[in-house]
PDB file of N, CA and C in Angstrom:
ATOM      1  N   UNK A   1      84.103  97.380  51.760  1.00  0.00           N
ATOM      2  CA  UNK A   1      82.433  96.368  51.751  1.00  0.00           C
ATOM      3  C   UNK A   1      81.951  97.044  52.154  1.00  0.00           C
ATOM      4  N   UNK A   2      80.292  96.913  51.742  1.00  0.00           N
ATOM      5  CA  UNK A   2      79.484  97.409  52.742  1.00  0.00           C
ATOM      6  C   UNK A   2      78.843  95.990  52.998  1.00  0.00           C
ATOM      7  N   UNK A   3      78.466  96.092  54.788  1.00  0.00           N
ATOM      8  CA  UNK A   3      77.878  94.642  54.901  1.00  0.00           C
ATOM      9  C   UNK A   3      76.288  94.877  54.792  1.00  0.00           C
ATOM     10  N   UNK A   4      75.971  93.915  54.280  1.00  0.00           N
ATOM     11  CA  UNK A   4      75.241  93.335  53.537  1.00  0.00           C
ATOM     12  C   UNK A   4      74.504  93.140  52.164  1.00  0.00           C
ATOM     13  N   UNK A   5      75.172  93.930  51.434  1.00  0.00           N
ATOM     14  CA  UNK A   5      75.650  93.637  50.221  1.00  0.00           C
ATOM     15  C   UNK A   5      76.127  92.090  49.699  1.00  0.00           C
ATOM     16  N   UNK A   6      75.701  91.930  48.744  1.00  0.00           N
ATOM     17  CA  UNK A   6      76.195  90.648  48.196  1.00  0.00           C
ATOM     18  C   UNK A   6      77.450  90.420  47.229  1.00  0.00           C
ATOM     19  N   UNK A   7      78.033  89.364  47.849  1.00  0.00           N
ATOM     20  CA  UNK A   7      79.491  89.256  47.400  1.00  0.00           C
ATOM     21  C   UNK A   7      79.850  87.664  48.011  1.00  0.00           C
ATOM     22  N   UNK A   8      80.697  87.664  46.933  1.00  0.00           N
ATOM     23  CA  UNK A   8      80.820  86.046  46.666  1.00  0.00           C
ATOM     24  C   UNK A   8      82.598  85.897  47.111  1.00  0.00           C
ATOM     25  N   UNK A   9      82.938  85.234  48.254  1.00  0.00           N
ATOM     26  CA  UNK A   9      83.800  84.444  48.313  1.00  0.00           C
ATOM     27  C   UNK A   9      84.893  83.144  48.253  1.00  0.00           C
ATOM     28  N   UNK A  10      85.771  82.644  48.503  1.00  0.00           N
ATOM     29  CA  UNK A  10      85.831  81.106  48.445  1.00  0.00           C
ATOM     30  C   UNK A  10      86.582  80.642  49.736  1.00  0.00           C
ATOM     31  N   UNK A  11      85.419  79.694  50.131  1.00  0.00           N
ATOM     32  CA  UNK A  11      86.066  79.478  51.737  1.00  0.00           C
ATOM     33  C   UNK A  11      85.907  77.509  51.813  1.00  0.00           C
ATOM     34  N   UNK A  12      86.692  77.262  52.657  1.00  0.00           N
ATOM     35  CA  UNK A  12      86.627  76.132  52.931  1.00  0.00           C
ATOM     36  C   UNK A  12      85.111  75.829  53.387  1.00  0.00           C
ATOM     37  N   UNK A  13      84.666  74.407  52.724  1.00  0.00           N
ATOM     38  CA  UNK A  13      83.656  73.614  53.588  1.00  0.00           C
ATOM     39  C   UNK A  13      83.441  71.704  53.317  1.00  0.00           C
ATOM     40  N   UNK A  14      82.935  71.622  54.108  1.00  0.00           N
ATOM     41  CA  UNK A  14      81.976  69.822  54.264  1.00  0.00           C
ATOM     42  C   UNK A  14      80.622  70.482  54.094  1.00  0.00           C
ATOM     43  N   UNK A  15      80.254  69.479  53.482  1.00  0.00           N
ATOM     44  CA  UNK A  15      78.841  68.698  53.271  1.00  0.00           C
ATOM     45  C   UNK A  15      78.660  67.859  54.050  1.00  0.00           C
ATOM     46  N   UNK A  16      77.566  67.831  54.748  1.00  0.00           N
ATOM     47  CA  UNK A  16      76.761  66.752  55.480  1.00  0.00           C
ATOM     48  C   UNK A  16      75.121  66.735  55.693  1.00  0.00           C
ATOM     49  N   UNK A  17      74.600  65.690  55.287  1.00  0.00           N
ATOM     50  CA  UNK A  17      73.215  65.561  55.162  1.00  0.00           C
ATOM     51  C   UNK A  17      72.142  66.831  54.807  1.00  0.00           C
ATOM     52  N   UNK A  18      73.181  67.555  53.361  1.00  0.00           N
ATOM     53  CA  UNK A  18      72.366  68.278  52.780  1.00  0.00           C
ATOM     54  C   UNK A  18      72.267  70.101  53.731  1.00  0.00           C
ATOM     55  N   UNK A  19      73.872  69.731  54.828  1.00  0.00           N
ATOM     56  CA  UNK A  19      73.660  71.151  55.487  1.00  0.00           C
ATOM     57  C   UNK A  19      75.552  71.045  55.239  1.00  0.00           C
ATOM     58  N   UNK A  20      75.582  71.880  55.074  1.00  0.00           N
ATOM     59  CA  UNK A  20      77.153  72.924  54.145  1.00  0.00           C
ATOM     60  C   UNK A  20      77.562  73.087  56.184  1.00  0.00           C
ATOM     61  N   UNK A  21      78.903  73.102  55.589  1.00  0.00           N
ATOM     62  CA  UNK A  21      79.397  73.435  57.318  1.00  0.00           C
ATOM     63  C   UNK A  21      80.806  74.593  56.787  1.00  0.00           C
ATOM     64  N   UNK A  22      81.025  75.556  57.848  1.00  0.00           N
ATOM     65  CA  UNK A  22      82.182  76.243  57.760  1.00  0.00           C
ATOM     66  C   UNK A  22      82.548  76.828  58.715  1.00  0.00           C
ATOM     67  N   UNK A  23      83.892  77.213  58.529  1.00  0.00           N
ATOM     68  CA  UNK A  23      84.852  77.793  59.942  1.00  0.00           C
ATOM     69  C   UNK A  23      84.834  79.370  59.474  1.00  0.00           C
ATOM     70  N   UNK A  24      84.271  79.883  60.630  1.00  0.00           N
ATOM     71  CA  UNK A  24      84.877  81.146  60.365  1.00  0.00           C
ATOM     72  C   UNK A  24      86.229  81.794  61.119  1.00  0.00           C
ATOM     73  N   UNK A  25      86.784  82.178  60.925  1.00  0.00           N
ATOM     74  CA  UNK A  25      88.348  81.820  61.181  1.00  0.00           C
ATOM     75  C   UNK A  25      88.751  83.281  62.130  1.00  0.00           C
ATOM     76  N   UNK A  26      88.000  84.310  61.597  1.00  0.00           N
ATOM     77  CA  UNK A  26      87.285  86.048  61.703  1.00  0.00           C
ATOM     78  C   UNK A  26      86.357  86.140  62.770  1.00  0.00           C
ATOM     79  N   UNK A  27      86.186  84.737  63.124  1.00  0.00           N
ATOM     80  CA  UNK A  27      84.598  84.679  63.983  1.00  0.00           C
ATOM     81  C   UNK A  27      83.449  85.545  63.584  1.00  0.00           C
ATOM     82  N   UNK A  28      82.856  86.352  64.499  1.00  0.00           N
ATOM     83  CA  UNK A  28      81.781  87.714  63.812  1.00  0.00           C
ATOM     84  C   UNK A  28      82.647  88.605  63.278  1.00  0.00           C
ATOM     85  N   UNK A  29      83.568  89.135  63.249  1.00  0.00           N
ATOM     86  CA  UNK A  29      84.104  89.930  62.484  1.00  0.00           C
ATOM     87  C   UNK A  29      83.961  89.649  61.378  1.00  0.00           C
ATOM     88  N   UNK A  30      83.898  88.827  60.708  1.00  0.00           N
ATOM     89  CA  UNK A  30      84.301  89.037  59.362  1.00  0.00           C
ATOM     90  C   UNK A  30      82.828  89.379  58.630  1.00  0.00           C
ATOM     91  N   UNK A  31      83.504  89.342  57.451  1.00  0.00           N
ATOM     92  CA  UNK A  31      81.764  90.646  56.691  1.00  0.00           C
ATOM     93  C   UNK A  31      80.766  89.556  56.685  1.00  0.00           C
ATOM     94  N   UNK A  32      81.400  88.060  55.920  1.00  0.00           N
ATOM     95  CA  UNK A  32      80.075  87.238  55.308  1.00  0.00           C
ATOM     96  C   UNK A  32      79.350  86.915  56.571  1.00  0.00           C
ATOM     97  N   UNK A  33      79.684  86.294  57.858  1.00  0.00           N
ATOM     98  CA  UNK A  33      78.967  86.500  58.912  1.00  0.00           C
ATOM     99  C   UNK A  33      78.155  87.734  59.570  1.00  0.00           C
ATOM    100  N   UNK A  34      78.652  88.753  59.356  1.00  0.00           N
ATOM    101  CA  UNK A  34      77.447  89.742  59.415  1.00  0.00           C
ATOM    102  C   UNK A  34      76.244  89.882  58.450  1.00  0.00           C
ATOM    103  N   UNK A  35      76.921  89.503  57.231  1.00  0.00           N
ATOM    104  CA  UNK A  35      76.088  89.362  56.461  1.00  0.00           C
ATOM    105  C   UNK A  35      74.750  88.817  56.655  1.00  0.00           C
ATOM    106  N   UNK A  36      75.346  87.334  56.660  1.00  0.00           N
ATOM    107  CA  UNK A  36      74.157  86.603  56.912  1.00  0.00           C
ATOM    108  C   UNK A  36      73.757  86.125  58.283  1.00  0.00           C
ATOM    109  N   UNK A  37      73.946  86.839  59.512  1.00  0.00           N
ATOM    110  CA  UNK A  37      73.340  87.510  60.574  1.00  0.00           C
ATOM    111  C   UNK A  37      71.958  88.556  60.149  1.00  0.00           C
ATOM    112  N   UNK A  38      72.935  89.493  59.266  1.00  0.00           N
ATOM    113  CA  UNK A  38      72.028  90.566  59.124  1.00  0.00           C
ATOM    114  C   UNK A  38      70.853  89.944  57.832  1.00  0.00           C
ATOM    115  N   UNK A  39      71.063  88.904  57.335  1.00  0.00           N
ATOM    116  CA  UNK A  39      70.101  87.901  55.783  1.00  0.00           C
ATOM    117  C   UNK A  39      70.464  86.550  55.836  1.00  0.00           C
ATOM    118  N   UNK A  40      69.709  85.273  56.446  1.00  0.00           N
ATOM    119  CA  UNK A  40      70.595  84.224  56.515  1.00  0.00           C
ATOM    120  C   UNK A  40      69.944  83.815  55.193  1.00  0.00           C
ATOM    121  N   UNK A  41      69.103  84.327  54.494  1.00  0.00           N
ATOM    122  CA  UNK A  41      69.273  83.395  52.773  1.00  0.00           C
ATOM    123  C   UNK A  41      70.493  83.347  52.386  1.00  0.00           C
ATOM    124  N   UNK A  42      71.330  82.966  51.629  1.00  0.00           N
ATOM    125  CA  UNK A  42      72.288  82.645  50.816  1.00  0.00           C
ATOM    126  C   UNK A  42      72.367  81.531  49.739  1.00  0.00           C
ATOM    127  N   UNK A  43      72.799  82.111  49.141  1.00  0.00           N
ATOM    128  CA  UNK A  43      73.634  81.282  47.940  1.00  0.00           C
ATOM    129  C   UNK A  43      74.687  80.835  47.637  1.00  0.00           C
ATOM    130  N   UNK A  44      74.759  79.182  47.276  1.00  0.00           N
ATOM    131  CA  UNK A  44      76.519  79.326  48.076  1.00  0.00           C
ATOM    132  C   UNK A  44      76.405  78.765  46.100  1.00  0.00           C
ATOM    133  N   UNK A  45      77.803  78.725  45.872  1.00  0.00           N
ATOM    134  CA  UNK A  45      77.875  77.842  44.470  1.00  0.00           C
ATOM    135  C   UNK A  45      79.215  77.178  44.424  1.00  0.00           C
ATOM    136  N   UNK A  46      78.833  75.749  44.502  1.00  0.00           N
ATOM    137  CA  UNK A  46      79.742  74.585  44.508  1.00  0.00           C
ATOM    138  C   UNK A  46      80.351  74.046  43.092  1.00  0.00           C
ATOM    139  N   UNK A  47      81.210  73.776  42.400  1.00  0.00           N
ATOM    140  CA  UNK A  47      81.763  73.426  40.994  1.00  0.00           C
ATOM    141  C   UNK A  47      80.776  74.242  40.070  1.00  0.00           C
ATOM    142  N   UNK A  48      80.626  75.285  40.678  1.00  0.00           N
ATOM    143  CA  UNK A  48      79.931  76.209  39.065  1.00  0.00           C
ATOM    144  C   UNK A  48      78.220  75.568  39.358  1.00  0.00           C
ATOM    145  N   UNK A  49      77.779  74.986  40.027  1.00  0.00           N
ATOM    146  CA  UNK A  49      75.977  74.909  40.545  1.00  0.00           C
ATOM    147  C   UNK A  49      75.678  75.790  41.456  1.00  0.00           C
ATOM    148  N   UNK A  50      74.835  76.067  41.365  1.00  0.00           N
ATOM    149  CA  UNK A  50      74.233  77.812  42.630  1.00  0.00           C
ATOM    150  C   UNK A  50      73.032  76.481  43.643  1.00  0.00           C
ATOM    151  N   UNK A  51      73.320  76.853  45.198  1.00  0.00           N
ATOM    152  CA  UNK A  51      72.221  76.285  45.437  1.00  0.00           C
ATOM    153  C   UNK A  51      71.800  77.105  46.874  1.00  0.00           C
ATOM    154  N   UNK A  52      70.316  77.603  46.626  1.00  0.00           N
ATOM    155  CA  UNK A  52      69.914  78.493  48.330  1.00  0.00           C
ATOM    156  C   UNK A  52      69.952  77.622  49.648  1.00  0.00           C
ATOM    157  N   UNK A  53      70.200  78.334  50.671  1.00  0.00           N
ATOM    158  CA  UNK A  53      70.259  78.527  51.367  1.00  0.00           C
ATOM    159  C   UNK A  53      70.009  78.956  52.609  1.00  0.00           C
ATOM    160  N   UNK A  54      69.298  78.988  53.614  1.00  0.00           N
ATOM    161  CA  UNK A  54      69.310  79.238  55.291  1.00  0.00           C
ATOM    162  C   UNK A  54      70.622  79.107  56.002  1.00  0.00           C
ATOM    163  N   UNK A  55      71.340  80.352  56.128  1.00  0.00           N
ATOM    164  CA  UNK A  55      72.387  79.751  57.074  1.00  0.00           C
ATOM    165  C   UNK A  55      72.258  80.310  58.759  1.00  0.00           C
ATOM    166  N   UNK A  56      73.066  80.016  59.315  1.00  0.00           N
ATOM    167  CA  UNK A  56      72.584  79.945  61.074  1.00  0.00           C
ATOM    168  C   UNK A  56      74.384  79.792  61.601  1.00  0.00           C
ATOM    169  N   UNK A  57      74.396  80.354  62.753  1.00  0.00           N
ATOM    170  CA  UNK A  57      75.430  80.308  63.560  1.00  0.00           C
ATOM    171  C   UNK A  57      75.116  79.357  64.638  1.00  0.00           C
ATOM    172  N   UNK A  58      75.768  77.913  64.181  1.00  0.00           N
ATOM    173  CA  UNK A  58      75.690  76.285  65.398  1.00  0.00           C
ATOM    174  C   UNK A  58      76.128  76.905  66.733  1.00  0.00           C
ATOM    175  N   UNK A  59      75.015  76.677  67.260  1.00  0.00           N
ATOM    176  CA  UNK A  59      75.102  76.803  68.684  1.00  0.00           C
ATOM    177  C   UNK A  59      75.446  75.542  69.570  1.00  0.00           C
ATOM    178  N   UNK A  60      74.594  74.478  68.775  1.00  0.00           N
ATOM    179  CA  UNK A  60      74.376  72.567  69.466  1.00  0.00           C
ATOM    180  C   UNK A  60      75.015  72.590  69.453  1.00  0.00           C
ATOM    181  N   UNK A  61      76.130  71.777  70.717  1.00  0.00           N
ATOM    182  CA  UNK A  61      77.355  71.409  70.659  1.00  0.00           C
ATOM    183  C   UNK A  61      77.697  70.507  69.833  1.00  0.00           C
ATOM    184  N   UNK A  62      77.193  69.264  69.886  1.00  0.00           N
ATOM    185  CA  UNK A  62      77.022  67.960  69.177  1.00  0.00           C
ATOM    186  C   UNK A  62      77.022  68.718  67.614  1.00  0.00           C
ATOM    187  N   UNK A  63      76.315  69.110  67.420  1.00  0.00           N
ATOM    188  CA  UNK A  63      76.693  69.982  65.436  1.00  0.00           C
ATOM    189  C   UNK A  63      77.915  70.626  65.712  1.00  0.00           C
ATOM    190  N   UNK A  64      78.475  71.276  66.654  1.00  0.00           N
ATOM    191  CA  UNK A  64      79.471  72.235  67.065  1.00  0.00           C
ATOM    192  C   UNK A  64      80.618  71.545  66.287  1.00  0.00           C
ATOM    193  N   UNK A  65      80.162  70.353  67.262  1.00  0.00           N
ATOM    194  CA  UNK A  65      82.020  69.441  67.498  1.00  0.00           C
ATOM    195  C   UNK A  65      81.937  68.795  65.914  1.00  0.00           C
ATOM    196  N   UNK A  66      80.532  68.339  64.935  1.00  0.00           N
ATOM    197  CA  UNK A  66      80.575  67.764  63.843  1.00  0.00           C
ATOM    198  C   UNK A  66      81.397  68.535  63.244  1.00  0.00           C
ATOM    199  N   UNK A  67      81.143  69.777  62.610  1.00  0.00           N
ATOM    200  CA  UNK A  67      81.323  70.752  61.901  1.00  0.00           C
ATOM    201  C   UNK A  67      82.517  71.052  61.913  1.00  0.00           C
ATOM    202  N   UNK A  68      83.171  71.269  63.252  1.00  0.00           N
ATOM    203  CA  UNK A  68      84.780  71.506  63.329  1.00  0.00           C
ATOM    204  C   UNK A  68      85.522  69.935  62.968  1.00  0.00           C
ATOM    205  N   UNK A  69      85.135  69.047  63.619  1.00  0.00           N
ATOM    206  CA  UNK A  69      85.962  67.568  62.863  1.00  0.00           C
ATOM    207  C   UNK A  69      85.621  67.476  60.973  1.00  0.00           C
ATOM    208  N   UNK A  70      84.824  67.759  60.831  1.00  0.00           N
ATOM    209  CA  UNK A  70      84.860  67.235  59.456  1.00  0.00           C
ATOM    210  C   UNK A  70      85.219  68.056  58.507  1.00  0.00           C
ATOM    211  N   UNK A  71      85.752  69.543  58.798  1.00  0.00           N
ATOM    212  CA  UNK A  71      86.131  70.483  58.305  1.00  0.00           C
ATOM    213  C   UNK A  71      87.677  69.643  58.306  1.00  0.00           C
ATOM    214  N   UNK A  72      88.567  69.843  59.703  1.00  0.00           N
ATOM    215  CA  UNK A  72      89.811  69.491  59.841  1.00  0.00           C
ATOM    216  C   UNK A  72      90.228  68.483  58.967  1.00  0.00           C
ATOM    217  N   UNK A  73      89.196  67.105  59.340  1.00  0.00           N
ATOM    218  CA  UNK A  73      89.477  65.849  58.531  1.00  0.00           C
ATOM    219  C   UNK A  73      89.875  66.258  56.884  1.00  0.00           C
ATOM    220  N   UNK A  74      88.553  66.999  56.438  1.00  0.00           N
ATOM    221  CA  UNK A  74      89.148  67.265  54.837  1.00  0.00           C
ATOM    222  C   UNK A  74      90.159  67.981  54.146  1.00  0.00           C
ATOM    223  N   UNK A  75      90.444  68.914  55.378  1.00  0.00           N
ATOM    224  CA  UNK A  75      91.475  69.931  54.601  1.00  0.00           C
ATOM    225  C   UNK A  75      92.847  69.746  56.030  1.00  0.00           C
ATOM    226  N   UNK A  76      93.038  69.194  57.068  1.00  0.00           N
ATOM    227  CA  UNK A  76      94.652  69.280  57.601  1.00  0.00           C
ATOM    228  C   UNK A  76      95.251  68.473  56.716  1.00  0.00           C
ATOM    229  N   UNK A  77      96.667  69.271  56.910  1.00  0.00           N
ATOM    230  CA  UNK A  77      97.652  68.528  55.688  1.00  0.00           C
ATOM    231  C   UNK A  77      98.702  67.850  56.818  1.00  0.00           C
ATOM    232  N   UNK A  78      98.840  68.310  57.812  1.00  0.00           N
ATOM    233  CA  UNK A  78      99.907  67.443  58.853  1.00  0.00           C
ATOM    234  C   UNK A  78      99.453  67.443  60.220  1.00  0.00           C
ATOM    235  N   UNK A  79      99.405  66.671  61.363  1.00  0.00           N
ATOM    236  CA  UNK A  79      98.757  66.384  62.082  1.00  0.00           C
ATOM    237  C   UNK A  79      98.888  67.581  63.261  1.00  0.00           C
ATOM    238  N   UNK A  80      97.732  68.318  63.622  1.00  0.00           N
ATOM    239  CA  UNK A  80      97.676  69.460  64.485  1.00  0.00           C
ATOM    240  C   UNK A  80      97.698  70.687  63.800  1.00  0.00           C
ATOM    241  N   UNK A  81      98.016  70.570  62.511  1.00  0.00           N
ATOM    242  CA  UNK A  81      98.369  71.889  62.028  1.00  0.00           C
ATOM    243  C   UNK A  81      97.159  73.049  61.862  1.00  0.00           C
ATOM    244  N   UNK A  82      95.325  72.593  61.808  1.00  0.00           N
ATOM    245  CA  UNK A  82      94.788  73.516  62.300  1.00  0.00           C
ATOM    246  C   UNK A  82      93.762  73.499  63.382  1.00  0.00           C
ATOM    247  N   UNK A  83      94.690  72.971  64.401  1.00  0.00           N
ATOM    248  CA  UNK A  83      93.942  72.765  65.774  1.00  0.00           C
ATOM    249  C   UNK A  83      94.154  74.191  66.380  1.00  0.00           C
ATOM    250  N   UNK A  84      94.377  75.046  66.034  1.00  0.00           N
ATOM    251  CA  UNK A  84      94.229  76.456  66.542  1.00  0.00           C
ATOM    252  C   UNK A  84      92.891  76.926  66.053  1.00  0.00           C
ATOM    253  N   UNK A  85      92.838  76.536  64.621  1.00  0.00           N
ATOM    254  CA  UNK A  85      91.384  77.546  63.392  1.00  0.00           C
ATOM    255  C   UNK A  85      90.427  76.328  64.284  1.00  0.00           C
ATOM    256  N   UNK A  86      90.937  75.327  64.506  1.00  0.00           N
ATOM    257  CA  UNK A  86      89.608  74.383  64.749  1.00  0.00           C
ATOM    258  C   UNK A  86      89.047  75.060  66.088  1.00  0.00           C
ATOM    259  N   UNK A  87      89.886  75.143  67.201  1.00  0.00           N
ATOM    260  CA  UNK A  87      89.517  75.528  68.561  1.00  0.00           C
ATOM    261  C   UNK A  87      88.359  76.780  68.532  1.00  0.00           C
ATOM    262  N   UNK A  88      89.486  77.820  67.961  1.00  0.00           N
ATOM    263  CA  UNK A  88      88.617  79.178  67.809  1.00  0.00           C
ATOM    264  C   UNK A  88      87.766  79.728  66.761  1.00  0.00           C
ATOM    265  N   UNK A  89      87.700  79.061  65.683  1.00  0.00           N
ATOM    266  CA  UNK A  89      86.612  79.576  64.924  1.00  0.00           C
ATOM    267  C   UNK A  89      85.508  79.490  65.079  1.00  0.00           C
ATOM    268  N   UNK A  90      84.795  80.291  64.367  1.00  0.00           N
ATOM    269  CA  UNK A  90      83.225  80.228  64.377  1.00  0.00           C
ATOM    270  C   UNK A  90      82.130  79.304  63.440  1.00  0.00           C
ATOM    271  N   UNK A  91      81.510  78.201  64.080  1.00  0.00           N
ATOM    272  CA  UNK A  91      80.842  77.123  63.250  1.00  0.00           C
ATOM    273  C   UNK A  91      79.442  77.576  62.659  1.00  0.00           C
ATOM    274  N   UNK A  92      79.691  77.647  61.361  1.00  0.00           N
ATOM    275  CA  UNK A  92      78.586  78.459  60.548  1.00  0.00           C
ATOM    276  C   UNK A  92      77.533  76.833  59.524  1.00  0.00           C
ATOM    277  N   UNK A  93      76.418  77.194  59.730  1.00  0.00           N
ATOM    278  CA  UNK A  93      76.057  75.766  59.034  1.00  0.00           C
ATOM    279  C   UNK A  93      74.783  76.970  57.719  1.00  0.00           C
ATOM    280  N   UNK A  94      75.091  75.884  56.839  1.00  0.00           N
ATOM    281  CA  UNK A  94      73.677  76.257  55.843  1.00  0.00           C
ATOM    282  C   UNK A  94      73.113  74.794  55.424  1.00  0.00           C
ATOM    283  N   UNK A  95      71.921  75.562  55.968  1.00  0.00           N
ATOM    284  CA  UNK A  95      71.026  74.411  55.331  1.00  0.00           C
ATOM    285  C   UNK A  95      70.654  74.419  53.742  1.00  0.00           C
ATOM    286  N   UNK A  96      70.689  73.679  52.906  1.00  0.00           N
ATOM    287  CA  UNK A  96      70.726  73.714  51.405  1.00  0.00           C
ATOM    288  C   UNK A  96      69.300  73.435  51.336  1.00  0.00           C
ATOM    289  N   UNK A  97      68.778  74.138  50.381  1.00  0.00           N
ATOM    290  CA  UNK A  97      67.742  73.783  49.711  1.00  0.00           C
ATOM    291  C   UNK A  97      67.650  72.775  48.516  1.00  0.00           C
ATOM    292  N   UNK A  98      66.645  72.185  48.165  1.00  0.00           N
ATOM    293  CA  UNK A  98      66.601  71.665  47.174  1.00  0.00           C
ATOM    294  C   UNK A  98      66.403  72.727  45.937  1.00  0.00           C
TER     295      UNK A  98
END
């Protein structure tokens, strides 16, 4: 896949206060992370509805902790099963627009 070309992925997410949170297990090696660094304007589709947004790598310590916590709370099925992903993945936020 050519970096920068539009494409669709399925990914775990959580939403808090008009911000979509994601964790990239491939960190900055993931194509979708490379794409958002090149052009942070994104469109996300949730339950068949499209939303525009501005993506960014999370650098704030408190927001980083929030993203990791809410994603693991949403998807972890057994205690500690996502511990490595929680600790090592790159946190990404998409600030959704109305």
